[in-house]
Each structure stands twice: as structure tokens, then as C-alpha cells.
Amino acid sequence: MTRPMRALTARQLDVLKRIADGQSWAQIGTDLGITLGGVGSINKQILLKLGAASSAHAVHLAHLAGVLRRERHGDHAGFAAHVRRGEDPWACTQGCPEGERAYRAERRQHRKEAA
């Protein structure tokens, strides 16, 4: 039986997001201005709260619980995800408008070639 998931603090959530993005503990510590031991301590707290056996397991559990969400940017799928969430995709600063323009240009070219 799994333990119920307890809420993470803002700092713990930040560290978990960085782990999910593939940052090393050293990178996380440098970015957040904390020691490697401090990152390890926060990671241990995350594992305990989520009932996880490892950092990878914690990321997995957080995704399943909706605590972390996979966000895609820079292409048509990322643009469409903004639309589904009710956000303005043209306001995205992570490449979604450019990706959508490239997708639309490619589709136009494909239609021209098919005609």
C-alpha cells in the first residue's frame, strides 16, 4: 500500500522540477545558491513526502498526481497545448508562435505540392 502524497513546499517543488529537467544536484545547488548537501536534504524530504524510492520515482509520482506537468514548446503540439489549457499561445516566449508558423508554412507547402 502506498502512502498518501503530502504537499511539497515551493522550494521542494522547484528542486523536483529541476530534477525532472535533468539538472544535476551540483547545477541545482549553484542555481539556487545552496550546498550539494542542501540539495540532498531537500531531495530526501521530497522522497519522504511523495513516498518515492528514488528521484526518478518521485518525478514519476509527481507527474501521475498532476503536481508536475509535461509542457511542450516550440512546435505545433506545444502551441495546441496552450490552446487546450485556455492560454494565449501567441504570448508564449518559449518558441510556440515560431513553431506554429513553421508548421503552417510546411502544411501550406505540402498542400501546394499535392495540388
PDB file of N, CA and C in Angstrom:
ATOM      1  N   MET A   1       0.834  -1.177   0.000  1.00  0.00           N
ATOM      2  CA  MET A   1       0.000   0.000   0.000  1.00  0.00           C
ATOM      3  C   MET A   1       0.884   1.248   0.000  1.00  0.00           C
ATOM      4  N   THR A   2       0.543   2.223  -0.848  1.00  0.00           N
ATOM      5  CA  THR A   2       1.344   3.439  -0.918  1.00  0.00           C
ATOM      6  C   THR A   2       0.840   4.473   0.075  1.00  0.00           C
ATOM      7  N   ARG A   3       1.763   5.290   0.529  1.00  0.00           N
ATOM      8  CA  ARG A   3       1.399   6.366   1.448  1.00  0.00           C
ATOM      9  C   ARG A   3       0.741   7.493   0.677  1.00  0.00           C
ATOM     10  N   PRO A   4      -0.163   8.229   1.305  1.00  0.00           N
ATOM     11  CA  PRO A   4      -0.746   9.378   0.609  1.00  0.00           C
ATOM     12  C   PRO A   4       0.318  10.449   0.367  1.00  0.00           C
ATOM     13  N   MET A   5       0.209  11.145  -0.745  1.00  0.00           N
ATOM     14  CA  MET A   5       1.173  12.169  -1.109  1.00  0.00           C
ATOM     15  C   MET A   5       0.908  13.445  -0.314  1.00  0.00           C
ATOM     16  N   ARG A   6       1.957  13.972   0.314  1.00  0.00           N
ATOM     17  CA  ARG A   6       1.832  15.226   1.055  1.00  0.00           C
ATOM     18  C   ARG A   6       2.287  16.374   0.170  1.00  0.00           C
ATOM     19  N   ALA A   7       1.767  17.553   0.430  1.00  0.00           N
ATOM     20  CA  ALA A   7       2.079  18.729  -0.381  1.00  0.00           C
ATOM     21  C   ALA A   7       3.549  19.117  -0.241  1.00  0.00           C
ATOM     22  N   LEU A   8       4.144  19.520  -1.352  1.00  0.00           N
ATOM     23  CA  LEU A   8       5.526  19.972  -1.370  1.00  0.00           C
ATOM     24  C   LEU A   8       5.570  21.482  -1.158  1.00  0.00           C
ATOM     25  N   THR A   9       6.645  21.952  -0.522  1.00  0.00           N
ATOM     26  CA  THR A   9       6.862  23.386  -0.391  1.00  0.00           C
ATOM     27  C   THR A   9       7.281  23.939  -1.756  1.00  0.00           C
ATOM     28  N   ALA A  10       7.281  25.250  -1.886  1.00  0.00           N
ATOM     29  CA  ALA A  10       7.701  25.878  -3.142  1.00  0.00           C
ATOM     30  C   ALA A  10       9.140  25.501  -3.477  1.00  0.00           C
ATOM     31  N   ARG A  11      10.009  25.467  -2.478  1.00  0.00           N
ATOM     32  CA  ARG A  11      11.421  25.118  -2.705  1.00  0.00           C
ATOM     33  C   ARG A  11      11.545  23.660  -3.158  1.00  0.00           C
ATOM     34  N   GLN A  12      10.822  22.767  -2.490  1.00  0.00           N
ATOM     35  CA  GLN A  12      10.866  21.353  -2.856  1.00  0.00           C
ATOM     36  C   GLN A  12      10.345  21.152  -4.278  1.00  0.00           C
ATOM     37  N   LEU A  13       9.279  21.854  -4.632  1.00  0.00           N
ATOM     38  CA  LEU A  13       8.722  21.744  -5.978  1.00  0.00           C
ATOM     39  C   LEU A  13       9.710  22.270  -7.007  1.00  0.00           C
ATOM     40  N   ASP A  14      10.390  23.362  -6.697  1.00  0.00           N
ATOM     41  CA  ASP A  14      11.398  23.915  -7.598  1.00  0.00           C
ATOM     42  C   ASP A  14      12.517  22.903  -7.832  1.00  0.00           C
ATOM     43  N   VAL A  15      13.001  22.293  -6.764  1.00  0.00           N
ATOM     44  CA  VAL A  15      14.063  21.290  -6.890  1.00  0.00           C
ATOM     45  C   VAL A  15      13.572  20.089  -7.694  1.00  0.00           C
ATOM     46  N   LEU A  16      12.352  19.628  -7.436  1.00  0.00           N
ATOM     47  CA  LEU A  16      11.811  18.492  -8.168  1.00  0.00           C
ATOM     48  C   LEU A  16      11.680  18.800  -9.654  1.00  0.00           C
ATOM     49  N   LYS A  17      11.243  20.013  -9.996  1.00  0.00           N
ATOM     50  CA  LYS A  17      11.145  20.410 -11.408  1.00  0.00           C
ATOM     51  C   LYS A  17      12.517  20.398 -12.061  1.00  0.00           C
ATOM     52  N   ARG A  18      13.518  20.871 -11.338  1.00  0.00           N
ATOM     53  CA  ARG A  18      14.873  20.895 -11.883  1.00  0.00           C
ATOM     54  C   ARG A  18      15.415  19.473 -12.062  1.00  0.00           C
ATOM     55  N   ILE A  19      15.094  18.586 -11.138  1.00  0.00           N
ATOM     56  CA  ILE A  19      15.488  17.185 -11.274  1.00  0.00           C
ATOM     57  C   ILE A  19      14.804  16.595 -12.507  1.00  0.00           C
ATOM     58  N   ALA A  20      13.513  16.889 -12.663  1.00  0.00           N
ATOM     59  CA  ALA A  20      12.754  16.383 -13.810  1.00  0.00           C
ATOM     60  C   ALA A  20      13.325  16.906 -15.126  1.00  0.00           C
ATOM     61  N   ASP A  21      13.899  18.120 -15.102  1.00  0.00           N
ATOM     62  CA  ASP A  21      14.508  18.705 -16.299  1.00  0.00           C
ATOM     63  C   ASP A  21      15.907  18.156 -16.564  1.00  0.00           C
ATOM     64  N   GLY A  22      16.406  17.295 -15.671  1.00  0.00           N
ATOM     65  CA  GLY A  22      17.696  16.650 -15.890  1.00  0.00           C
ATOM     66  C   GLY A  22      18.884  17.369 -15.291  1.00  0.00           C
ATOM     67  N   GLN A  23      18.651  18.373 -14.453  1.00  0.00           N
ATOM     68  CA  GLN A  23      19.774  19.059 -13.825  1.00  0.00           C
ATOM     69  C   GLN A  23      20.419  18.175 -12.762  1.00  0.00           C
ATOM     70  N   SER A  24      21.727  18.287 -12.641  1.00  0.00           N
ATOM     71  CA  SER A  24      22.437  17.566 -11.579  1.00  0.00           C
ATOM     72  C   SER A  24      22.237  18.304 -10.272  1.00  0.00           C
ATOM     73  N   TRP A  25      22.531  17.615  -9.176  1.00  0.00           N
ATOM     74  CA  TRP A  25      22.424  18.266  -7.870  1.00  0.00           C
ATOM     75  C   TRP A  25      23.373  19.456  -7.801  1.00  0.00           C
ATOM     76  N   ALA A  26      24.550  19.327  -8.401  1.00  0.00           N
ATOM     77  CA  ALA A  26      25.522  20.430  -8.398  1.00  0.00           C
ATOM     78  C   ALA A  26      24.953  21.643  -9.134  1.00  0.00           C
ATOM     79  N   GLN A  27      24.316  21.410 -10.286  1.00  0.00           N
ATOM     80  CA  GLN A  27      23.714  22.517 -11.034  1.00  0.00           C
ATOM     81  C   GLN A  27      22.590  23.168 -10.230  1.00  0.00           C
ATOM     82  N   ILE A  28      21.766  22.340  -9.608  1.00  0.00           N
ATOM     83  CA  ILE A  28      20.658  22.859  -8.809  1.00  0.00           C
ATOM     84  C   ILE A  28      21.191  23.704  -7.659  1.00  0.00           C
ATOM     85  N   GLY A  29      22.205  23.185  -6.968  1.00  0.00           N
ATOM     86  CA  GLY A  29      22.799  23.920  -5.850  1.00  0.00           C
ATOM     87  C   GLY A  29      23.361  25.257  -6.280  1.00  0.00           C
ATOM     88  N   THR A  30      24.067  25.271  -7.401  1.00  0.00           N
ATOM     89  CA  THR A  30      24.634  26.515  -7.919  1.00  0.00           C
ATOM     90  C   THR A  30      23.529  27.503  -8.279  1.00  0.00           C
ATOM     91  N   ASP A  31      22.500  27.027  -8.996  1.00  0.00           N
ATOM     92  CA  ASP A  31      21.398  27.899  -9.417  1.00  0.00           C
ATOM     93  C   ASP A  31      20.633  28.480  -8.233  1.00  0.00           C
ATOM     94  N   LEU A  32      20.443  27.676  -7.191  1.00  0.00           N
ATOM     95  CA  LEU A  32      19.646  28.110  -6.041  1.00  0.00           C
ATOM     96  C   LEU A  32      20.485  28.686  -4.902  1.00  0.00           C
ATOM     97  N   GLY A  33      21.804  28.627  -5.045  1.00  0.00           N
ATOM     98  CA  GLY A  33      22.683  29.177  -4.018  1.00  0.00           C
ATOM     99  C   GLY A  33      22.702  28.355  -2.741  1.00  0.00           C
ATOM    100  N   ILE A  34      22.595  27.030  -2.875  1.00  0.00           N
ATOM    101  CA  ILE A  34      22.651  26.140  -1.715  1.00  0.00           C
ATOM    102  C   ILE A  34      23.723  25.086  -1.949  1.00  0.00           C
ATOM    103  N   THR A  35      24.127  24.448  -0.875  1.00  0.00           N
ATOM    104  CA  THR A  35      25.183  23.441  -0.980  1.00  0.00           C
ATOM    105  C   THR A  35      24.633  22.149  -1.579  1.00  0.00           C
ATOM    106  N   LEU A  36      25.552  21.302  -1.984  1.00  0.00           N
ATOM    107  CA  LEU A  36      25.187  19.986  -2.505  1.00  0.00           C
ATOM    108  C   LEU A  36      24.439  19.189  -1.431  1.00  0.00           C
ATOM    109  N   GLY A  37      24.881  19.309  -0.191  1.00  0.00           N
ATOM    110  CA  GLY A  37      24.193  18.652   0.921  1.00  0.00           C
ATOM    111  C   GLY A  37      22.781  19.197   1.117  1.00  0.00           C
ATOM    112  N   GLY A  38      22.617  20.493   0.875  1.00  0.00           N
ATOM    113  CA  GLY A  38      21.297  21.105   0.980  1.00  0.00           C
ATOM    114  C   GLY A  38      20.342  20.556  -0.065  1.00  0.00           C
ATOM    115  N   VAL A  39      20.864  20.363  -1.278  1.00  0.00           N
ATOM    116  CA  VAL A  39      20.041  19.771  -2.342  1.00  0.00           C
ATOM    117  C   VAL A  39      19.670  18.344  -1.961  1.00  0.00           C
ATOM    118  N   GLY A  40      20.645  17.612  -1.420  1.00  0.00           N
ATOM    119  CA  GLY A  40      20.371  16.236  -0.990  1.00  0.00           C
ATOM    120  C   GLY A  40      19.323  16.177   0.104  1.00  0.00           C
ATOM    121  N   SER A  41      19.381  17.133   1.018  1.00  0.00           N
ATOM    122  CA  SER A  41      18.407  17.189   2.104  1.00  0.00           C
ATOM    123  C   SER A  41      17.005  17.468   1.561  1.00  0.00           C
ATOM    124  N   ILE A  42      16.913  18.402   0.636  1.00  0.00           N
ATOM    125  CA  ILE A  42      15.613  18.718   0.027  1.00  0.00           C
ATOM    126  C   ILE A  42      15.108  17.511  -0.751  1.00  0.00           C
ATOM    127  N   ASN A  43      16.009  16.847  -1.473  1.00  0.00           N
ATOM    128  CA  ASN A  43      15.615  15.655  -2.225  1.00  0.00           C
ATOM    129  C   ASN A  43      15.065  14.578  -1.281  1.00  0.00           C
ATOM    130  N   LYS A  44      15.714  14.402  -0.137  1.00  0.00           N
ATOM    131  CA  LYS A  44      15.248  13.413   0.837  1.00  0.00           C
ATOM    132  C   LYS A  44      13.851  13.763   1.344  1.00  0.00           C
ATOM    133  N   GLN A  45      13.611  15.046   1.593  1.00  0.00           N
ATOM    134  CA  GLN A  45      12.287  15.486   2.031  1.00  0.00           C
ATOM    135  C   GLN A  45      11.236  15.207   0.959  1.00  0.00           C
ATOM    136  N   ILE A  46      11.608  15.433  -0.302  1.00  0.00           N
ATOM    137  CA  ILE A  46      10.690  15.167  -1.424  1.00  0.00           C
ATOM    138  C   ILE A  46      10.343  13.680  -1.467  1.00  0.00           C
ATOM    139  N   LEU A  47      11.368  12.832  -1.361  1.00  0.00           N
ATOM    140  CA  LEU A  47      11.146  11.380  -1.413  1.00  0.00           C
ATOM    141  C   LEU A  47      10.213  10.937  -0.294  1.00  0.00           C
ATOM    142  N   LEU A  48      10.427  11.465   0.906  1.00  0.00           N
ATOM    143  CA  LEU A  48       9.581  11.098   2.039  1.00  0.00           C
ATOM    144  C   LEU A  48       8.135  11.556   1.833  1.00  0.00           C
ATOM    145  N   LYS A  49       7.965  12.790   1.383  1.00  0.00           N
ATOM    146  CA  LYS A  49       6.610  13.315   1.192  1.00  0.00           C
ATOM    147  C   LYS A  49       5.845  12.581   0.097  1.00  0.00           C
ATOM    148  N   LEU A  50       6.560  12.196  -0.964  1.00  0.00           N
ATOM    149  CA  LEU A  50       5.889  11.534  -2.079  1.00  0.00           C
ATOM    150  C   LEU A  50       5.840  10.013  -1.922  1.00  0.00           C
ATOM    151  N   GLY A  51       6.570   9.493  -0.940  1.00  0.00           N
ATOM    152  CA  GLY A  51       6.637   8.051  -0.764  1.00  0.00           C
ATOM    153  C   GLY A  51       7.394   7.379  -1.893  1.00  0.00           C
ATOM    154  N   ALA A  52       8.427   8.059  -2.390  1.00  0.00           N
ATOM    155  CA  ALA A  52       9.191   7.590  -3.538  1.00  0.00           C
ATOM    156  C   ALA A  52      10.471   6.895  -3.100  1.00  0.00           C
ATOM    157  N   ALA A  53      10.924   5.964  -3.944  1.00  0.00           N
ATOM    158  CA  ALA A  53      12.148   5.225  -3.666  1.00  0.00           C
ATOM    159  C   ALA A  53      13.382   5.906  -4.245  1.00  0.00           C
ATOM    160  N   SER A  54      13.195   6.782  -5.221  1.00  0.00           N
ATOM    161  CA  SER A  54      14.309   7.466  -5.877  1.00  0.00           C
ATOM    162  C   SER A  54      13.816   8.779  -6.467  1.00  0.00           C
ATOM    163  N   SER A  55      14.736   9.583  -6.950  1.00  0.00           N
ATOM    164  CA  SER A  55      14.352  10.844  -7.578  1.00  0.00           C
ATOM    165  C   SER A  55      13.514  10.587  -8.826  1.00  0.00           C
ATOM    166  N   ALA A  56      13.908   9.604  -9.611  1.00  0.00           N
ATOM    167  CA  ALA A  56      13.139   9.269 -10.818  1.00  0.00           C
ATOM    168  C   ALA A  56      11.720   8.839 -10.447  1.00  0.00           C
ATOM    169  N   HIS A  57      11.596   8.061  -9.388  1.00  0.00           N
ATOM    170  CA  HIS A  57      10.284   7.625  -8.921  1.00  0.00           C
ATOM    171  C   HIS A  57       9.471   8.824  -8.436  1.00  0.00           C
ATOM    172  N   ALA A  58      10.114   9.780  -7.774  1.00  0.00           N
ATOM    173  CA  ALA A  58       9.433  10.981  -7.299  1.00  0.00           C
ATOM    174  C   ALA A  58       8.890  11.792  -8.478  1.00  0.00           C
ATOM    175  N   VAL A  59       9.698  11.928  -9.532  1.00  0.00           N
ATOM    176  CA  VAL A  59       9.245  12.649 -10.724  1.00  0.00           C
ATOM    177  C   VAL A  59       8.041  11.935 -11.330  1.00  0.00           C
ATOM    178  N   HIS A  60       8.122  10.623 -11.424  1.00  0.00           N
ATOM    179  CA  HIS A  60       7.018   9.828 -11.972  1.00  0.00           C
ATOM    180  C   HIS A  60       5.743  10.013 -11.145  1.00  0.00           C
ATOM    181  N   LEU A  61       5.850   9.895  -9.835  1.00  0.00           N
ATOM    182  CA  LEU A  61       4.685  10.046  -8.963  1.00  0.00           C
ATOM    183  C   LEU A  61       4.099  11.457  -9.055  1.00  0.00           C
ATOM    184  N   ALA A  62       4.975  12.451  -9.147  1.00  0.00           N
ATOM    185  CA  ALA A  62       4.504  13.835  -9.242  1.00  0.00           C
ATOM    186  C   ALA A  62       3.763  14.069 -10.560  1.00  0.00           C
ATOM    187  N   HIS A  63       4.232  13.449 -11.644  1.00  0.00           N
ATOM    188  CA  HIS A  63       3.519  13.557 -12.918  1.00  0.00           C
ATOM    189  C   HIS A  63       2.158  12.883 -12.826  1.00  0.00           C
ATOM    190  N   LEU A  64       2.118  11.694 -12.233  1.00  0.00           N
ATOM    191  CA  LEU A  64       0.851  10.974 -12.107  1.00  0.00           C
ATOM    192  C   LEU A  64      -0.162  11.760 -11.275  1.00  0.00           C
ATOM    193  N   ALA A  65       0.325  12.447 -10.250  1.00  0.00           N
ATOM    194  CA  ALA A  65      -0.554  13.206  -9.360  1.00  0.00           C
ATOM    195  C   ALA A  65      -0.913  14.587  -9.919  1.00  0.00           C
ATOM    196  N   GLY A  66      -0.283  14.965 -11.030  1.00  0.00           N
ATOM    197  CA  GLY A  66      -0.554  16.269 -11.621  1.00  0.00           C
ATOM    198  C   GLY A  66       0.225  17.402 -10.980  1.00  0.00           C
ATOM    199  N   VAL A  67       1.166  17.057 -10.095  1.00  0.00           N
ATOM    200  CA  VAL A  67       1.997  18.080  -9.442  1.00  0.00           C
ATOM    201  C   VAL A  67       2.965  18.671 -10.463  1.00  0.00           C
ATOM    202  N   LEU A  68       3.525  17.816 -11.301  1.00  0.00           N
ATOM    203  CA  LEU A  68       4.364  18.256 -12.414  1.00  0.00           C
ATOM    204  C   LEU A  68       3.587  18.011 -13.690  1.00  0.00           C
ATOM    205  N   ARG A  69       3.780  18.874 -14.656  1.00  0.00           N
ATOM    206  CA  ARG A  69       3.085  18.675 -15.915  1.00  0.00           C
ATOM    207  C   ARG A  69       4.110  18.796 -17.030  1.00  0.00           C
ATOM    208  N   ARG A  70       4.021  17.874 -17.956  1.00  0.00           N
ATOM    209  CA  ARG A  70       4.932  17.909 -19.095  1.00  0.00           C
ATOM    210  C   ARG A  70       4.451  18.998 -20.039  1.00  0.00           C
ATOM    211  N   GLU A  71       5.297  19.945 -20.291  1.00  0.00           N
ATOM    212  CA  GLU A  71       4.930  21.025 -21.185  1.00  0.00           C
ATOM    213  C   GLU A  71       5.820  20.980 -22.410  1.00  0.00           C
ATOM    214  N   ARG A  72       5.202  21.107 -23.532  1.00  0.00           N
ATOM    215  CA  ARG A  72       5.920  21.074 -24.786  1.00  0.00           C
ATOM    216  C   ARG A  72       5.885  22.478 -25.374  1.00  0.00           C
ATOM    217  N   HIS A  73       6.980  22.911 -25.940  1.00  0.00           N
ATOM    218  CA  HIS A  73       7.061  24.239 -26.535  1.00  0.00           C
ATOM    219  C   HIS A  73       7.829  24.170 -27.846  1.00  0.00           C
ATOM    220  N   GLY A  74       7.569  25.148 -28.702  1.00  0.00           N
ATOM    221  CA  GLY A  74       8.371  25.310 -29.907  1.00  0.00           C
ATOM    222  C   GLY A  74       7.862  24.588 -31.133  1.00  0.00           C
ATOM    223  N   ASP A  75       6.703  23.979 -31.059  1.00  0.00           N
ATOM    224  CA  ASP A  75       6.158  23.304 -32.232  1.00  0.00           C
ATOM    225  C   ASP A  75       4.637  23.358 -32.202  1.00  0.00           C
ATOM    226  N   HIS A  76       3.995  22.746 -33.188  1.00  0.00           N
ATOM    227  CA  HIS A  76       2.539  22.786 -33.283  1.00  0.00           C
ATOM    228  C   HIS A  76       1.880  22.164 -32.046  1.00  0.00           C
ATOM    229  N   ALA A  77       2.431  21.053 -31.547  1.00  0.00           N
ATOM    230  CA  ALA A  77       1.843  20.397 -30.372  1.00  0.00           C
ATOM    231  C   ALA A  77       1.904  21.302 -29.148  1.00  0.00           C
ATOM    232  N   GLY A  78       2.995  22.025 -28.978  1.00  0.00           N
ATOM    233  CA  GLY A  78       3.113  22.967 -27.869  1.00  0.00           C
ATOM    234  C   GLY A  78       2.122  24.104 -27.997  1.00  0.00           C
ATOM    235  N   PHE A  79       1.975  24.598 -29.220  1.00  0.00           N
ATOM    236  CA  PHE A  79       1.014  25.658 -29.499  1.00  0.00           C
ATOM    237  C   PHE A  79      -0.399  25.179 -29.158  1.00  0.00           C
ATOM    238  N   ALA A  80      -0.747  23.973 -29.627  1.00  0.00           N
ATOM    239  CA  ALA A  80      -2.072  23.399 -29.376  1.00  0.00           C
ATOM    240  C   ALA A  80      -2.307  23.163 -27.883  1.00  0.00           C
ATOM    241  N   ALA A  81      -1.263  22.795 -27.146  1.00  0.00           N
ATOM    242  CA  ALA A  81      -1.401  22.561 -25.703  1.00  0.00           C
ATOM    243  C   ALA A  81      -1.793  23.861 -24.996  1.00  0.00           C
ATOM    244  N   HIS A  82      -1.222  24.980 -25.424  1.00  0.00           N
ATOM    245  CA  HIS A  82      -1.623  26.269 -24.850  1.00  0.00           C
ATOM    246  C   HIS A  82      -3.108  26.511 -25.092  1.00  0.00           C
ATOM    247  N   VAL A  83      -3.559  26.237 -26.301  1.00  0.00           N
ATOM    248  CA  VAL A  83      -4.966  26.438 -26.646  1.00  0.00           C
ATOM    249  C   VAL A  83      -5.853  25.574 -25.753  1.00  0.00           C
ATOM    250  N   ARG A  84      -5.478  24.300 -25.583  1.00  0.00           N
ATOM    251  CA  ARG A  84      -6.270  23.381 -24.741  1.00  0.00           C
ATOM    252  C   ARG A  84      -6.349  23.861 -23.296  1.00  0.00           C
ATOM    253  N   ARG A  85      -5.276  24.491 -22.818  1.00  0.00           N
ATOM    254  CA  ARG A  85      -5.269  24.977 -21.434  1.00  0.00           C
ATOM    255  C   ARG A  85      -5.940  26.342 -21.302  1.00  0.00           C
ATOM    256  N   GLY A  86      -6.426  26.898 -22.420  1.00  0.00           N
ATOM    257  CA  GLY A  86      -7.088  28.193 -22.378  1.00  0.00           C
ATOM    258  C   GLY A  86      -6.125  29.370 -22.310  1.00  0.00           C
ATOM    259  N   GLU A  87      -4.875  29.139 -22.678  1.00  0.00           N
ATOM    260  CA  GLU A  87      -3.860  30.190 -22.654  1.00  0.00           C
ATOM    261  C   GLU A  87      -3.720  30.799 -24.049  1.00  0.00           C
ATOM    262  N   ASP A  88      -3.146  31.976 -24.116  1.00  0.00           N
ATOM    263  CA  ASP A  88      -2.873  32.612 -25.398  1.00  0.00           C
ATOM    264  C   ASP A  88      -1.557  32.064 -25.938  1.00  0.00           C
ATOM    265  N   PRO A  89      -1.596  31.199 -26.951  1.00  0.00           N
ATOM    266  CA  PRO A  89      -0.356  30.603 -27.454  1.00  0.00           C
ATOM    267  C   PRO A  89       0.560  31.612 -28.133  1.00  0.00           C
ATOM    268  N   TRP A  90      -0.003  32.704 -28.622  1.00  0.00           N
ATOM    269  CA  TRP A  90       0.829  33.707 -29.293  1.00  0.00           C
ATOM    270  C   TRP A  90       1.662  34.499 -28.288  1.00  0.00           C
ATOM    271  N   ALA A  91       1.316  34.409 -27.005  1.00  0.00           N
ATOM    272  CA  ALA A  91       2.065  35.114 -25.964  1.00  0.00           C
ATOM    273  C   ALA A  91       3.216  34.272 -25.408  1.00  0.00           C
ATOM    274  N   CYS A  92       3.328  33.025 -25.828  1.00  0.00           N
ATOM    275  CA  CYS A  92       4.388  32.133 -25.331  1.00  0.00           C
ATOM    276  C   CYS A  92       5.750  32.685 -25.741  1.00  0.00           C
ATOM    277  N   THR A  93       6.660  32.710 -24.799  1.00  0.00           N
ATOM    278  CA  THR A  93       8.011  33.213 -25.071  1.00  0.00           C
ATOM    279  C   THR A  93       9.011  32.078 -25.269  1.00  0.00           C
ATOM    280  N   GLN A  94       8.506  30.838 -25.363  1.00  0.00           N
ATOM    281  CA  GLN A  94       9.402  29.697 -25.481  1.00  0.00           C
ATOM    282  C   GLN A  94       9.334  29.041 -26.854  1.00  0.00           C
ATOM    283  N   GLY A  95       9.001  29.820 -27.882  1.00  0.00           N
ATOM    284  CA  GLY A  95       9.093  29.327 -29.252  1.00  0.00           C
ATOM    285  C   GLY A  95       7.822  28.794 -29.876  1.00  0.00           C
ATOM    286  N   CYS A  96       6.712  28.803 -29.166  1.00  0.00           N
ATOM    287  CA  CYS A  96       5.481  28.245 -29.733  1.00  0.00           C
ATOM    288  C   CYS A  96       4.970  29.017 -30.950  1.00  0.00           C
ATOM    289  N   PRO A  97       4.960  30.355 -30.933  1.00  0.00           N
ATOM    290  CA  PRO A  97       4.499  31.066 -32.134  1.00  0.00           C
ATOM    291  C   PRO A  97       5.370  30.760 -33.358  1.00  0.00           C
ATOM    292  N   GLU A  98       6.663  30.730 -33.166  1.00  0.00           N
ATOM    293  CA  GLU A  98       7.568  30.437 -34.273  1.00  0.00           C
ATOM    294  C   GLU A  98       7.347  29.015 -34.794  1.00  0.00           C
ATOM    295  N   GLY A  99       7.194  28.072 -33.845  1.00  0.00           N
ATOM    296  CA  GLY A  99       6.947  26.683 -34.214  1.00  0.00           C
ATOM    297  C   GLY A  99       5.640  26.522 -34.964  1.00  0.00           C
ATOM    298  N   GLU A 100       4.612  27.257 -34.555  1.00  0.00           N
ATOM    299  CA  GLU A 100       3.318  27.194 -35.231  1.00  0.00           C
ATOM    300  C   GLU A 100       3.414  27.791 -36.634  1.00  0.00           C
ATOM    301  N   ARG A 101       4.140  28.899 -36.760  1.00  0.00           N
ATOM    302  CA  ARG A 101       4.310  29.497 -38.097  1.00  0.00           C
ATOM    303  C   ARG A 101       5.036  28.524 -39.026  1.00  0.00           C
ATOM    304  N   ALA A 102       6.072  27.872 -38.527  1.00  0.00           N
ATOM    305  CA  ALA A 102       6.802  26.894 -39.341  1.00  0.00           C
ATOM    306  C   ALA A 102       5.907  25.716 -39.727  1.00  0.00           C
ATOM    307  N   TYR A 103       5.091  25.254 -38.787  1.00  0.00           N
ATOM    308  CA  TYR A 103       4.167  24.151 -39.053  1.00  0.00           C
ATOM    309  C   TYR A 103       3.172  24.539 -40.143  1.00  0.00           C
ATOM    310  N   ARG A 104       2.603  25.746 -40.017  1.00  0.00           N
ATOM    311  CA  ARG A 104       1.616  26.205 -41.010  1.00  0.00           C
ATOM    312  C   ARG A 104       2.249  26.380 -42.379  1.00  0.00           C
ATOM    313  N   ALA A 105       3.472  26.896 -42.438  1.00  0.00           N
ATOM    314  CA  ALA A 105       4.174  27.053 -43.718  1.00  0.00           C
ATOM    315  C   ALA A 105       4.428  25.692 -44.348  1.00  0.00           C
ATOM    316  N   GLU A 106       4.817  24.724 -43.525  1.00  0.00           N
ATOM    317  CA  GLU A 106       5.061  23.364 -44.028  1.00  0.00           C
ATOM    318  C   GLU A 106       3.772  22.752 -44.574  1.00  0.00           C
ATOM    319  N   ARG A 107       2.670  22.948 -43.869  1.00  0.00           N
ATOM    320  CA  ARG A 107       1.373  22.414 -44.325  1.00  0.00           C
ATOM    321  C   ARG A 107       0.947  23.076 -45.634  1.00  0.00           C
ATOM    322  N   ARG A 108       1.152  24.415 -45.745  1.00  0.00           N
ATOM    323  CA  ARG A 108       0.822  25.112 -46.996  1.00  0.00           C
ATOM    324  C   ARG A 108       1.632  24.557 -48.157  1.00  0.00           C
ATOM    325  N   GLN A 109       2.926  24.353 -47.918  1.00  0.00           N
ATOM    326  CA  GLN A 109       3.809  23.812 -48.955  1.00  0.00           C
ATOM    327  C   GLN A 109       3.354  22.409 -49.359  1.00  0.00           C
ATOM    328  N   HIS A 110       2.991  21.619 -48.403  1.00  0.00           N
ATOM    329  CA  HIS A 110       2.522  20.256 -48.677  1.00  0.00           C
ATOM    330  C   HIS A 110       1.241  20.275 -49.531  1.00  0.00           C
ATOM    331  N   ARG A 111       0.330  21.189 -49.215  1.00  0.00           N
ATOM    332  CA  ARG A 111      -0.923  21.296 -49.988  1.00  0.00           C
ATOM    333  C   ARG A 111      -0.636  21.751 -51.415  1.00  0.00           C
ATOM    334  N   LYS A 112       0.325  22.680 -51.592  1.00  0.00           N
ATOM    335  CA  LYS A 112       0.701  23.142 -52.932  1.00  0.00           C
ATOM    336  C   LYS A 112       1.272  21.997 -53.759  1.00  0.00           C
ATOM    337  N   GLU A 113       2.127  21.203 -53.122  1.00  0.00           N
ATOM    338  CA  GLU A 113       2.748  20.085 -53.827  1.00  0.00           C
ATOM    339  C   GLU A 113       1.741  19.009 -54.177  1.00  0.00           C
ATOM    340  N   ALA A 114       0.721  18.850 -53.340  1.00  0.00           N
ATOM    341  CA  ALA A 114      -0.293  17.817 -53.576  1.00  0.00           C
ATOM    342  C   ALA A 114      -1.283  18.245 -54.663  1.00  0.00           C
ATOM    343  N   ALA A 115      -1.401  19.532 -54.918  1.00  0.00           N
ATOM    344  CA  ALA A 115      -2.391  20.034 -55.898  1.00  0.00           C
ATOM    345  C   ALA A 115      -1.927  19.886 -57.331  1.00  0.00           C
TER     346      ALA A 115
END
